[in-house]
C-alpha cells in the first residue's frame, strides 16, 4: 500500500509539472504571436511542437488514470 501511495504521489507531481510547463509554453506562444515582427516563426513552431509533446504526455497519463479507476 505504501508503494502505491508513493507511486500516485509521484505521478501527481509529474502531472502537475507537465501541466504547468504546457501552460507556460501556451502563454509564451501567445505572447510571441502577438508581435510577429520581432518573433521568429521557427521559434514559435518549436514551442508549439514542445507544447504538443507535453499535451500527448498529459493525455497518456489521464488515460492511464482513467483505466486504473474503472
N, C-alpha and C. Protein backbone atom coordinates (compact mmCIF):
# COMPACT_ATOMS: atom_id res chain seq x y z
N UNK A 1 0.82 -1.19 0.00
CA UNK A 1 0.00 0.00 0.00
C UNK A 1 0.87 1.26 0.00
N UNK A 2 1.94 1.21 0.74
CA UNK A 2 2.84 2.37 0.82
C UNK A 2 3.46 2.67 -0.55
N UNK A 3 3.79 1.61 -1.28
CA UNK A 3 4.37 1.79 -2.62
C UNK A 3 3.37 2.45 -3.56
N UNK A 4 2.11 2.04 -3.47
CA UNK A 4 1.07 2.64 -4.30
C UNK A 4 0.93 4.12 -3.98
N UNK A 5 0.95 4.46 -2.71
CA UNK A 5 0.85 5.86 -2.30
C UNK A 5 2.00 6.67 -2.88
N UNK A 6 3.21 6.15 -2.77
CA UNK A 6 4.38 6.86 -3.31
C UNK A 6 4.28 7.01 -4.82
N UNK A 7 3.82 5.95 -5.48
CA UNK A 7 3.67 5.99 -6.93
C UNK A 7 2.66 7.06 -7.34
N UNK A 8 1.51 7.08 -6.68
CA UNK A 8 0.48 8.06 -7.01
C UNK A 8 0.94 9.49 -6.71
N UNK A 9 1.64 9.64 -5.62
CA UNK A 9 2.17 10.96 -5.27
C UNK A 9 3.15 11.44 -6.34
N UNK A 10 4.02 10.54 -6.77
CA UNK A 10 4.99 10.86 -7.83
C UNK A 10 4.26 11.23 -9.12
N UNK A 11 3.26 10.43 -9.51
CA UNK A 11 2.53 10.68 -10.76
C UNK A 11 1.81 12.02 -10.71
N UNK A 12 1.23 12.37 -9.55
CA UNK A 12 0.54 13.65 -9.42
C UNK A 12 1.52 14.82 -9.54
N UNK A 13 2.67 14.68 -8.93
CA UNK A 13 3.69 15.72 -9.03
C UNK A 13 4.16 15.87 -10.47
N UNK A 14 4.37 14.75 -11.13
CA UNK A 14 4.80 14.77 -12.52
C UNK A 14 3.73 15.40 -13.41
N UNK A 15 2.47 15.01 -13.20
CA UNK A 15 1.37 15.58 -13.98
C UNK A 15 1.31 17.09 -13.78
N UNK A 16 1.42 17.54 -12.54
CA UNK A 16 1.37 18.98 -12.25
C UNK A 16 2.51 19.73 -12.93
N UNK A 17 3.70 19.14 -12.89
CA UNK A 17 4.86 19.77 -13.52
C UNK A 17 4.67 19.89 -15.03
N UNK A 18 4.21 18.82 -15.66
CA UNK A 18 3.99 18.84 -17.11
C UNK A 18 2.88 19.82 -17.46
N UNK A 19 1.82 19.83 -16.67
CA UNK A 19 0.70 20.74 -16.91
C UNK A 19 1.15 22.20 -16.83
N UNK A 20 1.96 22.52 -15.82
CA UNK A 20 2.47 23.89 -15.67
C UNK A 20 3.38 24.27 -16.84
N UNK A 21 4.21 23.34 -17.27
CA UNK A 21 5.09 23.57 -18.41
C UNK A 21 4.26 23.84 -19.67
N UNK A 22 3.22 23.03 -19.87
CA UNK A 22 2.33 23.18 -21.02
C UNK A 22 1.70 24.57 -21.02
N UNK A 23 1.20 25.00 -19.87
CA UNK A 23 0.57 26.31 -19.77
C UNK A 23 1.57 27.45 -19.99
N UNK A 24 2.78 27.29 -19.48
CA UNK A 24 3.81 28.31 -19.68
C UNK A 24 4.15 28.45 -21.17
N UNK A 25 4.26 27.32 -21.85
CA UNK A 25 4.52 27.36 -23.30
C UNK A 25 3.36 28.03 -24.04
N UNK A 26 2.14 27.72 -23.62
CA UNK A 26 0.97 28.32 -24.24
C UNK A 26 1.02 29.84 -24.12
N UNK A 27 1.33 30.34 -22.94
CA UNK A 27 1.41 31.79 -22.73
C UNK A 27 2.55 32.41 -23.55
N UNK A 28 3.67 31.71 -23.63
CA UNK A 28 4.80 32.22 -24.41
C UNK A 28 4.46 32.26 -25.90
N UNK A 29 3.79 31.25 -26.40
CA UNK A 29 3.40 31.21 -27.81
C UNK A 29 2.44 32.37 -28.11
N UNK A 30 1.47 32.56 -27.25
CA UNK A 30 0.51 33.66 -27.44
C UNK A 30 1.24 35.00 -27.45
N UNK A 31 2.17 35.18 -26.51
CA UNK A 31 2.93 36.43 -26.44
C UNK A 31 3.73 36.66 -27.72
N UNK A 32 4.38 35.62 -28.20
CA UNK A 32 5.19 35.75 -29.41
C UNK A 32 4.33 35.99 -30.65
N UNK A 33 3.18 35.36 -30.71
CA UNK A 33 2.31 35.53 -31.88
C UNK A 33 1.68 36.92 -31.93
N UNK A 34 1.59 37.58 -30.81
CA UNK A 34 1.03 38.94 -30.78
C UNK A 34 1.99 39.95 -31.41
N UNK A 35 3.27 39.61 -31.47
CA UNK A 35 4.27 40.51 -32.04
C UNK A 35 5.05 39.80 -33.13
N UNK A 36 4.40 39.55 -34.27
CA UNK A 36 5.04 38.77 -35.34
C UNK A 36 6.27 39.45 -35.96
N UNK A 37 6.41 40.75 -35.77
CA UNK A 37 7.55 41.46 -36.36
C UNK A 37 8.85 41.03 -35.70
N UNK A 38 8.84 40.90 -34.39
CA UNK A 38 10.07 40.54 -33.68
C UNK A 38 10.17 39.05 -33.38
N UNK A 39 9.13 38.30 -33.70
CA UNK A 39 9.13 36.87 -33.41
C UNK A 39 9.62 36.06 -34.60
N UNK A 40 10.33 35.01 -34.30
CA UNK A 40 10.85 34.11 -35.31
C UNK A 40 9.85 32.95 -35.46
N UNK A 41 9.40 32.72 -36.68
CA UNK A 41 8.40 31.67 -36.94
C UNK A 41 8.93 30.31 -36.53
N UNK A 42 10.20 30.06 -36.77
CA UNK A 42 10.78 28.76 -36.41
C UNK A 42 10.76 28.55 -34.89
N UNK A 43 11.01 29.63 -34.14
CA UNK A 43 10.98 29.52 -32.67
C UNK A 43 9.57 29.20 -32.19
N UNK A 44 8.58 29.84 -32.79
CA UNK A 44 7.19 29.60 -32.41
C UNK A 44 6.81 28.16 -32.75
N UNK A 45 7.21 27.70 -33.92
CA UNK A 45 6.92 26.31 -34.31
C UNK A 45 7.56 25.31 -33.35
N UNK A 46 8.79 25.59 -32.93
CA UNK A 46 9.47 24.71 -31.98
C UNK A 46 8.70 24.66 -30.66
N UNK A 47 8.26 25.82 -30.18
CA UNK A 47 7.49 25.86 -28.94
C UNK A 47 6.17 25.11 -29.08
N UNK A 48 5.54 25.23 -30.24
CA UNK A 48 4.28 24.52 -30.47
C UNK A 48 4.49 23.01 -30.47
N UNK A 49 5.61 22.56 -31.03
CA UNK A 49 5.90 21.13 -31.03
C UNK A 49 6.17 20.62 -29.61
N UNK A 50 6.88 21.43 -28.82
CA UNK A 50 7.13 21.06 -27.42
C UNK A 50 5.81 20.99 -26.65
N UNK A 51 4.95 21.97 -26.90
CA UNK A 51 3.65 22.01 -26.23
C UNK A 51 2.81 20.79 -26.61
N UNK A 52 2.83 20.41 -27.86
CA UNK A 52 2.07 19.25 -28.31
C UNK A 52 2.61 17.97 -27.67
N UNK A 53 3.92 17.86 -27.55
CA UNK A 53 4.52 16.69 -26.90
C UNK A 53 4.05 16.59 -25.45
N UNK A 54 4.03 17.72 -24.76
CA UNK A 54 3.56 17.73 -23.37
C UNK A 54 2.08 17.37 -23.29
N UNK A 55 1.32 17.86 -24.24
CA UNK A 55 -0.12 17.55 -24.26
C UNK A 55 -0.32 16.05 -24.45
N UNK A 56 0.47 15.44 -25.32
CA UNK A 56 0.39 14.00 -25.53
C UNK A 56 0.73 13.24 -24.24
N UNK A 57 1.75 13.71 -23.53
CA UNK A 57 2.13 13.07 -22.27
C UNK A 57 0.99 13.17 -21.25
N UNK A 58 0.37 14.34 -21.18
CA UNK A 58 -0.76 14.53 -20.25
C UNK A 58 -1.91 13.61 -20.62
N UNK A 59 -2.17 13.48 -21.90
CA UNK A 59 -3.26 12.63 -22.36
C UNK A 59 -3.02 11.17 -21.96
N UNK A 60 -1.80 10.71 -22.15
CA UNK A 60 -1.46 9.33 -21.78
C UNK A 60 -1.66 9.13 -20.28
N UNK A 61 -1.21 10.09 -19.49
CA UNK A 61 -1.36 9.97 -18.04
C UNK A 61 -2.84 9.96 -17.63
N UNK A 62 -3.64 10.78 -18.29
CA UNK A 62 -5.07 10.81 -17.98
C UNK A 62 -5.75 9.50 -18.35
N UNK A 63 -5.39 8.96 -19.51
CA UNK A 63 -5.99 7.69 -19.95
C UNK A 63 -5.58 6.56 -18.99
N UNK A 64 -4.33 6.56 -18.55
CA UNK A 64 -3.88 5.54 -17.61
C UNK A 64 -4.64 5.65 -16.29
N UNK A 65 -4.83 6.86 -15.82
CA UNK A 65 -5.57 7.07 -14.58
C UNK A 65 -7.02 6.64 -14.74
N UNK A 66 -7.59 6.93 -15.90
CA UNK A 66 -8.98 6.58 -16.17
C UNK A 66 -9.17 5.06 -16.16
N UNK A 67 -8.27 4.34 -16.80
CA UNK A 67 -8.40 2.88 -16.87
C UNK A 67 -8.11 2.23 -15.51
N UNK A 68 -7.28 2.86 -14.70
CA UNK A 68 -6.97 2.27 -13.39
C UNK A 68 -8.09 2.48 -12.38
N UNK A 69 -9.00 3.42 -12.66
CA UNK A 69 -10.11 3.68 -11.74
C UNK A 69 -11.38 2.95 -12.15
N UNK A 70 -11.35 2.28 -13.27
CA UNK A 70 -12.55 1.57 -13.74
C UNK A 70 -12.71 0.24 -13.03
